């Protein structure tokens, strides 16, 4: 397991927290495939999970961005969030799948390092700021 859910990740919104847990679960599934290290070609499994992760991340980002508008989140923080979302999608889309095919374990470990560090920072810093905003405005 590369990432374990912790209470600090909570954004005080059940749906966002559930979506973050699902993203963490997908990253952990990819880690488990790599950790098998059994010499089997796992390219198809890795790519299927990777594509599912990309797709779900877009869905999640769209959900968050709809919440920004619905809750009248301030434009400065919306801009930061959207830039981070776009940057993440661009980075993930640019991952060289040929490299994954040639060096499954090494390439996927690099991808997992990026995903886990990015997600940890994004949730703990950027998304929690929005969560605090939601909590403050619910009062």
Protein backbone atom coordinates (compact mmCIF):
# COMPACT_ATOMS: atom_id res chain seq x y z
CA UNK A 1 0.00 0.00 0.00
CA UNK A 2 1.53 3.26 -1.12
CA UNK A 3 -1.07 5.64 0.35
CA UNK A 4 -3.26 5.04 3.37
CA UNK A 5 -6.33 7.17 4.04
CA UNK A 6 -5.93 9.33 7.11
CA UNK A 7 -8.34 11.69 8.81
CA UNK A 8 -6.16 14.64 7.74
CA UNK A 9 -7.29 13.97 4.15
CA UNK A 10 -10.93 14.74 4.97
CA UNK A 11 -12.29 17.76 3.14
CA UNK A 12 -15.48 17.79 5.21
CA UNK A 13 -17.50 16.75 2.18
CA UNK A 14 -18.57 13.11 2.04
CA UNK A 15 -18.60 12.90 -1.75
CA UNK A 16 -15.16 14.46 -2.18
CA UNK A 17 -13.77 12.20 0.55
CA UNK A 18 -15.27 9.11 -1.11
CA UNK A 19 -13.80 10.14 -4.45
CA UNK A 20 -10.39 10.72 -2.89
CA UNK A 21 -10.59 7.28 -1.26
CA UNK A 22 -11.35 5.74 -4.65
CA UNK A 23 -8.34 7.51 -6.22
CA UNK A 24 -6.14 6.27 -3.37
CA UNK A 25 -7.51 2.76 -3.87
CA UNK A 26 -6.65 2.83 -7.60
CA UNK A 27 -3.11 4.02 -6.87
CA UNK A 28 -2.74 1.24 -4.30
CA UNK A 29 -4.05 -1.34 -6.80
CA UNK A 30 -1.40 -0.23 -9.28
CA UNK A 31 1.22 -0.50 -6.55
CA UNK A 32 0.08 -4.04 -5.70
CA UNK A 33 0.47 -5.09 -9.34
CA UNK A 34 4.04 -3.78 -9.40
CA UNK A 35 4.90 -5.30 -6.04
CA UNK A 36 3.96 -8.77 -7.32
CA UNK A 37 7.28 -8.64 -9.17
CA UNK A 38 6.58 -12.14 -10.47
CA UNK A 39 8.10 -11.73 -13.91
CA UNK A 40 4.69 -11.81 -15.62
CA UNK A 41 3.79 -9.26 -18.25
CA UNK A 42 1.24 -7.06 -16.50
CA UNK A 43 1.15 -4.30 -19.14
CA UNK A 44 -2.53 -4.77 -19.99
CA UNK A 45 -3.56 -4.71 -16.31
CA UNK A 46 -1.43 -1.65 -15.64
CA UNK A 47 -2.75 0.26 -18.65
CA UNK A 48 -6.36 -0.65 -17.90
CA UNK A 49 -6.01 0.60 -14.33
CA UNK A 50 -4.07 3.66 -15.46
CA UNK A 51 -6.80 4.58 -17.98
CA UNK A 52 -9.46 4.05 -15.32
CA UNK A 53 -7.51 6.29 -12.96
CA UNK A 54 -7.20 9.04 -15.60
CA UNK A 55 -10.89 8.86 -16.42
CA UNK A 56 -11.99 8.86 -12.79
CA UNK A 57 -9.67 11.77 -12.00
CA UNK A 58 -11.30 13.87 -14.75
CA UNK A 59 -14.71 12.95 -13.33
CA UNK A 60 -13.54 13.91 -9.82
CA UNK A 61 -12.04 17.23 -10.95
CA UNK A 62 -15.24 18.11 -12.81
CA UNK A 63 -17.24 17.35 -9.67
CA UNK A 64 -15.01 19.58 -7.55
CA UNK A 65 -15.17 22.40 -10.08
CA UNK A 66 -18.98 22.23 -10.12
CA UNK A 67 -18.93 22.52 -6.32
CA UNK A 68 -16.72 25.61 -6.56
CA UNK A 69 -19.36 27.35 -8.65
CA UNK A 70 -22.32 26.07 -6.61
CA UNK A 71 -20.76 27.28 -3.37
CA UNK A 72 -19.40 30.56 -4.75
CA UNK A 73 -15.82 29.74 -3.90
CA UNK A 74 -13.52 32.70 -4.48
CA UNK A 75 -12.13 33.16 -7.97
CA UNK A 76 -8.47 33.18 -6.90
CA UNK A 77 -8.68 29.73 -5.29
CA UNK A 78 -10.80 28.42 -8.16
CA UNK A 79 -8.08 29.51 -10.56
CA UNK A 80 -5.40 27.73 -8.49
CA UNK A 81 -7.48 24.56 -8.28
CA UNK A 82 -8.24 24.51 -11.99
CA UNK A 83 -4.58 25.13 -12.87
CA UNK A 84 -3.52 22.24 -10.63
CA UNK A 85 -6.19 20.01 -12.15
CA UNK A 86 -5.15 20.89 -15.71
CA UNK A 87 -1.46 20.46 -14.90
CA UNK A 88 -2.13 17.02 -13.42
CA UNK A 89 -4.16 15.88 -16.44
CA UNK A 90 -1.44 17.13 -18.81
CA UNK A 91 1.29 15.38 -16.83
CA UNK A 92 -0.61 12.09 -16.65
CA UNK A 93 -1.52 12.28 -20.35
CA UNK A 94 2.14 12.79 -21.23
CA UNK A 95 3.30 9.60 -19.51
CA UNK A 96 5.17 7.46 -22.01
CA UNK A 97 3.32 4.15 -22.26
CA UNK A 98 6.15 2.67 -24.33
CA UNK A 99 8.40 3.17 -21.31
CA UNK A 100 5.81 1.35 -19.19
CA UNK A 101 5.85 -1.52 -21.67
CA UNK A 102 9.65 -1.72 -21.69
CA UNK A 103 10.21 -1.35 -17.93
CA UNK A 104 6.94 -2.06 -16.16
CA UNK A 105 8.26 -2.05 -12.62
CA UNK A 106 10.61 0.93 -12.94
CA UNK A 107 8.25 3.08 -15.01
CA UNK A 108 5.22 2.35 -12.84
CA UNK A 109 7.18 3.08 -9.66
CA UNK A 110 8.04 6.51 -11.08
CA UNK A 111 4.39 7.07 -11.97
CA UNK A 112 3.30 5.95 -8.50
CA UNK A 113 5.81 8.29 -6.86
CA UNK A 114 4.40 11.19 -8.85
CA UNK A 115 0.76 10.21 -8.20
CA UNK A 116 1.17 9.68 -4.47
CA UNK A 117 3.15 12.89 -3.86
CA UNK A 118 0.82 14.97 -6.03
CA UNK A 119 -2.37 13.56 -4.52
CA UNK A 120 -1.07 13.91 -0.97
CA UNK A 121 -0.13 17.56 -1.53
CA UNK A 122 -3.26 18.41 -3.50
CA UNK A 123 -5.60 16.95 -0.88
CA UNK A 124 -3.76 18.25 2.18
CA UNK A 125 -3.18 21.77 0.86
CA UNK A 126 -5.52 22.74 -1.96
CA UNK A 127 -8.58 20.56 -1.41
CA UNK A 128 -8.55 20.98 2.37
CA UNK A 129 -8.66 24.73 1.87
CA UNK A 130 -11.87 24.24 -0.12
CA UNK A 131 -13.13 21.82 2.52
CA UNK A 132 -12.53 24.41 5.24
CA UNK A 133 -14.44 26.92 3.11
CA UNK A 134 -17.36 24.49 2.79
CA UNK A 135 -17.33 23.81 6.52
CA UNK A 136 -17.19 27.51 7.40
CA UNK A 137 -20.06 28.34 5.06
CA UNK A 138 -22.23 25.49 6.33
CA UNK A 139 -22.53 27.22 9.71
